[in-house]
């Protein structure tokens, strides 16, 4: 009895395989973008599109914001407390109110201020209320 059901199942699967139309897999073509020349570095650690439509490209040597035409590079400047805390940007999260948070390898979490296009470095002792 088991052999009978196995035989029927195998025949059914064979029929599906033969009669099923071939599903065309999408064909993708990749080419180097002109944006590559404008990136802060070519080793990309993450890419994210925010709710405003900006493409954020995180690298080991800075953060890039691409609007579809122009690329704006953000880098760490230890003399400027409103710059990124580190150039080695590793992650990004967008909160429910549209705020962007960037994590760096060496110096923690950075909150992006779109009005001034700068950052606030958060420390463990900081109050996280805006």
C-alpha atoms as a PDB file:
ATOM      1  CA  UNK A   1       0.000   0.000   0.000  1.00  0.00           C
ATOM      2  CA  UNK A   2       2.827   2.403   0.884  1.00  0.00           C
ATOM      3  CA  UNK A   3       4.514   1.587  -2.431  1.00  0.00           C
ATOM      4  CA  UNK A   4       1.300   2.362  -4.282  1.00  0.00           C
ATOM      5  CA  UNK A   5       0.966   5.831  -2.686  1.00  0.00           C
ATOM      6  CA  UNK A   6       4.663   6.526  -3.251  1.00  0.00           C
ATOM      7  CA  UNK A   7       4.248   5.553  -6.919  1.00  0.00           C
ATOM      8  CA  UNK A   8       1.186   7.814  -7.310  1.00  0.00           C
ATOM      9  CA  UNK A   9       2.931  10.729  -5.566  1.00  0.00           C
ATOM     10  CA  UNK A  10       6.043  10.345  -7.745  1.00  0.00           C
ATOM     11  CA  UNK A  11       3.892  10.264 -10.897  1.00  0.00           C
ATOM     12  CA  UNK A  12       1.962  13.347  -9.798  1.00  0.00           C
ATOM     13  CA  UNK A  13       5.168  15.297  -9.085  1.00  0.00           C
ATOM     14  CA  UNK A  14       6.639  14.219 -12.439  1.00  0.00           C
ATOM     15  CA  UNK A  15       3.504  15.422 -14.195  1.00  0.00           C
ATOM     16  CA  UNK A  16       3.723  18.811 -12.451  1.00  0.00           C
ATOM     17  CA  UNK A  17       7.375  19.165 -13.331  1.00  0.00           C
ATOM     18  CA  UNK A  18       6.837  18.367 -17.000  1.00  0.00           C
ATOM     19  CA  UNK A  19       3.623  20.317 -17.467  1.00  0.00           C
ATOM     20  CA  UNK A  20       4.490  23.388 -15.410  1.00  0.00           C
ATOM     21  CA  UNK A  21       5.457  26.331 -17.610  1.00  0.00           C
ATOM     22  CA  UNK A  22       9.009  27.503 -17.205  1.00  0.00           C
ATOM     23  CA  UNK A  23       9.087  30.500 -14.905  1.00  0.00           C
ATOM     24  CA  UNK A  24      11.539  33.052 -16.189  1.00  0.00           C
ATOM     25  CA  UNK A  25      13.822  34.304 -13.476  1.00  0.00           C
ATOM     26  CA  UNK A  26      14.478  38.025 -13.609  1.00  0.00           C
ATOM     27  CA  UNK A  27      17.636  39.070 -15.347  1.00  0.00           C
ATOM     28  CA  UNK A  28      19.707  41.737 -13.605  1.00  0.00           C
ATOM     29  CA  UNK A  29      22.535  43.729 -15.092  1.00  0.00           C
ATOM     30  CA  UNK A  30      24.846  45.621 -12.781  1.00  0.00           C
ATOM     31  CA  UNK A  31      27.170  48.385 -13.837  1.00  0.00           C
ATOM     32  CA  UNK A  32      29.381  50.739 -11.898  1.00  0.00           C
ATOM     33  CA  UNK A  33      27.681  53.998 -11.011  1.00  0.00           C
ATOM     34  CA  UNK A  34      29.222  57.433 -11.349  1.00  0.00           C
ATOM     35  CA  UNK A  35      28.411  57.743  -7.654  1.00  0.00           C
ATOM     36  CA  UNK A  36      31.264  55.330  -6.907  1.00  0.00           C
ATOM     37  CA  UNK A  37      33.795  58.078  -7.606  1.00  0.00           C
ATOM     38  CA  UNK A  38      32.095  60.404  -5.104  1.00  0.00           C
ATOM     39  CA  UNK A  39      31.835  57.946  -2.200  1.00  0.00           C
ATOM     40  CA  UNK A  40      33.924  58.524   0.893  1.00  0.00           C
ATOM     41  CA  UNK A  41      35.293  55.009   0.335  1.00  0.00           C
ATOM     42  CA  UNK A  42      34.358  51.997  -1.793  1.00  0.00           C
ATOM     43  CA  UNK A  43      34.055  49.520   1.100  1.00  0.00           C
ATOM     44  CA  UNK A  44      30.346  49.833   1.868  1.00  0.00           C
ATOM     45  CA  UNK A  45      29.125  48.445   5.202  1.00  0.00           C
ATOM     46  CA  UNK A  46      25.406  49.164   4.715  1.00  0.00           C
ATOM     47  CA  UNK A  47      22.931  50.908   2.396  1.00  0.00           C
ATOM     48  CA  UNK A  48      19.636  52.324   3.634  1.00  0.00           C
ATOM     49  CA  UNK A  49      16.825  54.383   2.093  1.00  0.00           C
ATOM     50  CA  UNK A  50      15.108  56.567   4.682  1.00  0.00           C
ATOM     51  CA  UNK A  51      11.467  57.667   4.761  1.00  0.00           C
ATOM     52  CA  UNK A  52      12.417  60.954   3.023  1.00  0.00           C
ATOM     53  CA  UNK A  53      13.874  59.058   0.070  1.00  0.00           C
ATOM     54  CA  UNK A  54      17.565  59.686   0.748  1.00  0.00           C
ATOM     55  CA  UNK A  55      19.952  56.806   0.159  1.00  0.00           C
ATOM     56  CA  UNK A  56      22.493  56.490   2.985  1.00  0.00           C
ATOM     57  CA  UNK A  57      25.688  54.656   2.118  1.00  0.00           C
ATOM     58  CA  UNK A  58      27.751  53.700   5.147  1.00  0.00           C
ATOM     59  CA  UNK A  59      31.471  53.068   4.664  1.00  0.00           C
ATOM     60  CA  UNK A  60      34.587  52.505   6.728  1.00  0.00           C
ATOM     61  CA  UNK A  61      35.687  56.069   5.989  1.00  0.00           C
ATOM     62  CA  UNK A  62      32.548  58.180   6.263  1.00  0.00           C
ATOM     63  CA  UNK A  63      28.822  58.405   5.680  1.00  0.00           C
ATOM     64  CA  UNK A  64      27.286  59.329   2.322  1.00  0.00           C
ATOM     65  CA  UNK A  65      23.807  60.755   1.694  1.00  0.00           C
ATOM     66  CA  UNK A  66      22.655  60.451  -1.900  1.00  0.00           C
ATOM     67  CA  UNK A  67      19.546  62.282  -3.113  1.00  0.00           C
ATOM     68  CA  UNK A  68      19.495  60.820  -6.623  1.00  0.00           C
ATOM     69  CA  UNK A  69      21.701  63.593  -8.023  1.00  0.00           C
ATOM     70  CA  UNK A  70      24.198  64.717  -5.400  1.00  0.00           C
ATOM     71  CA  UNK A  71      26.252  62.859  -2.827  1.00  0.00           C
ATOM     72  CA  UNK A  72      26.958  64.575   0.494  1.00  0.00           C
ATOM     73  CA  UNK A  73      29.794  63.099   2.578  1.00  0.00           C
ATOM     74  CA  UNK A  74      29.837  63.269   6.374  1.00  0.00           C
ATOM     75  CA  UNK A  75      33.115  62.587   8.177  1.00  0.00           C
ATOM     76  CA  UNK A  76      34.381  62.644  11.704  1.00  0.00           C
ATOM     77  CA  UNK A  77      36.198  65.785  12.837  1.00  0.00           C
ATOM     78  CA  UNK A  78      37.432  65.463  16.409  1.00  0.00           C
ATOM     79  CA  UNK A  79      37.563  69.277  16.660  1.00  0.00           C
ATOM     80  CA  UNK A  80      33.852  69.519  15.831  1.00  0.00           C
ATOM     81  CA  UNK A  81      31.526  67.910  18.400  1.00  0.00           C
ATOM     82  CA  UNK A  82      28.622  68.069  15.914  1.00  0.00           C
ATOM     83  CA  UNK A  83      30.365  65.789  13.409  1.00  0.00           C
ATOM     84  CA  UNK A  84      30.226  61.988  13.305  1.00  0.00           C
ATOM     85  CA  UNK A  85      31.974  60.372  16.251  1.00  0.00           C
ATOM     86  CA  UNK A  86      33.906  58.044  13.898  1.00  0.00           C
ATOM     87  CA  UNK A  87      34.315  57.567  10.154  1.00  0.00           C
ATOM     88  CA  UNK A  88      33.765  53.808  10.457  1.00  0.00           C
ATOM     89  CA  UNK A  89      29.958  53.801  10.234  1.00  0.00           C
ATOM     90  CA  UNK A  90      28.497  50.317  10.704  1.00  0.00           C
ATOM     91  CA  UNK A  91      24.716  50.554  11.078  1.00  0.00           C
ATOM     92  CA  UNK A  92      21.659  52.742  10.701  1.00  0.00           C
ATOM     93  CA  UNK A  93      18.168  52.647  12.203  1.00  0.00           C
ATOM     94  CA  UNK A  94      15.228  54.965  11.576  1.00  0.00           C
ATOM     95  CA  UNK A  95      12.897  55.468  14.527  1.00  0.00           C
ATOM     96  CA  UNK A  96       9.110  55.870  14.375  1.00  0.00           C
ATOM     97  CA  UNK A  97       9.387  59.670  14.127  1.00  0.00           C
ATOM     98  CA  UNK A  98      11.822  59.526  11.188  1.00  0.00           C
ATOM     99  CA  UNK A  99      14.949  60.181  13.252  1.00  0.00           C
ATOM    100  CA  UNK A 100      18.101  58.517  11.988  1.00  0.00           C
ATOM    101  CA  UNK A 101      20.590  56.821  14.288  1.00  0.00           C
ATOM    102  CA  UNK A 102      24.028  55.785  13.065  1.00  0.00           C
ATOM    103  CA  UNK A 103      26.269  53.360  14.901  1.00  0.00           C
ATOM    104  CA  UNK A 104      30.021  53.624  14.518  1.00  0.00           C
ATOM    105  CA  UNK A 105      32.700  51.051  15.171  1.00  0.00           C
ATOM    106  CA  UNK A 106      34.783  52.943  17.712  1.00  0.00           C
ATOM    107  CA  UNK A 107      32.742  55.743  19.215  1.00  0.00           C
ATOM    108  CA  UNK A 108      29.125  54.736  19.570  1.00  0.00           C
ATOM    109  CA  UNK A 109      25.771  56.087  18.526  1.00  0.00           C
ATOM    110  CA  UNK A 110      25.095  59.281  16.548  1.00  0.00           C
ATOM    111  CA  UNK A 111      21.712  60.980  16.156  1.00  0.00           C
ATOM    112  CA  UNK A 112      21.355  62.882  12.848  1.00  0.00           C
ATOM    113  CA  UNK A 113      19.904  66.407  12.861  1.00  0.00           C
ATOM    114  CA  UNK A 114      18.510  67.045   9.339  1.00  0.00           C
ATOM    115  CA  UNK A 115      17.920  70.766   9.971  1.00  0.00           C
ATOM    116  CA  UNK A 116      21.601  71.478  10.549  1.00  0.00           C
ATOM    117  CA  UNK A 117      22.941  68.391   8.760  1.00  0.00           C
ATOM    118  CA  UNK A 118      25.019  67.460  11.778  1.00  0.00           C
ATOM    119  CA  UNK A 119      25.119  64.862  14.541  1.00  0.00           C
ATOM    120  CA  UNK A 120      24.758  64.493  18.267  1.00  0.00           C
ATOM    121  CA  UNK A 121      26.954  61.828  19.804  1.00  0.00           C
ATOM    122  CA  UNK A 122      25.142  59.891  22.488  1.00  0.00           C
ATOM    123  CA  UNK A 123      26.909  58.601  25.528  1.00  0.00           C
ATOM    124  CA  UNK A 124      25.650  56.001  27.998  1.00  0.00           C
ATOM    125  CA  UNK A 125      25.003  58.753  30.538  1.00  0.00           C
ATOM    126  CA  UNK A 126      22.896  60.903  28.166  1.00  0.00           C
ATOM    127  CA  UNK A 127      19.154  61.314  28.617  1.00  0.00           C
ATOM    128  CA  UNK A 128      17.618  59.955  25.395  1.00  0.00           C
ATOM    129  CA  UNK A 129      14.591  62.276  25.434  1.00  0.00           C
ATOM    130  CA  UNK A 130      14.839  64.699  22.531  1.00  0.00           C
END
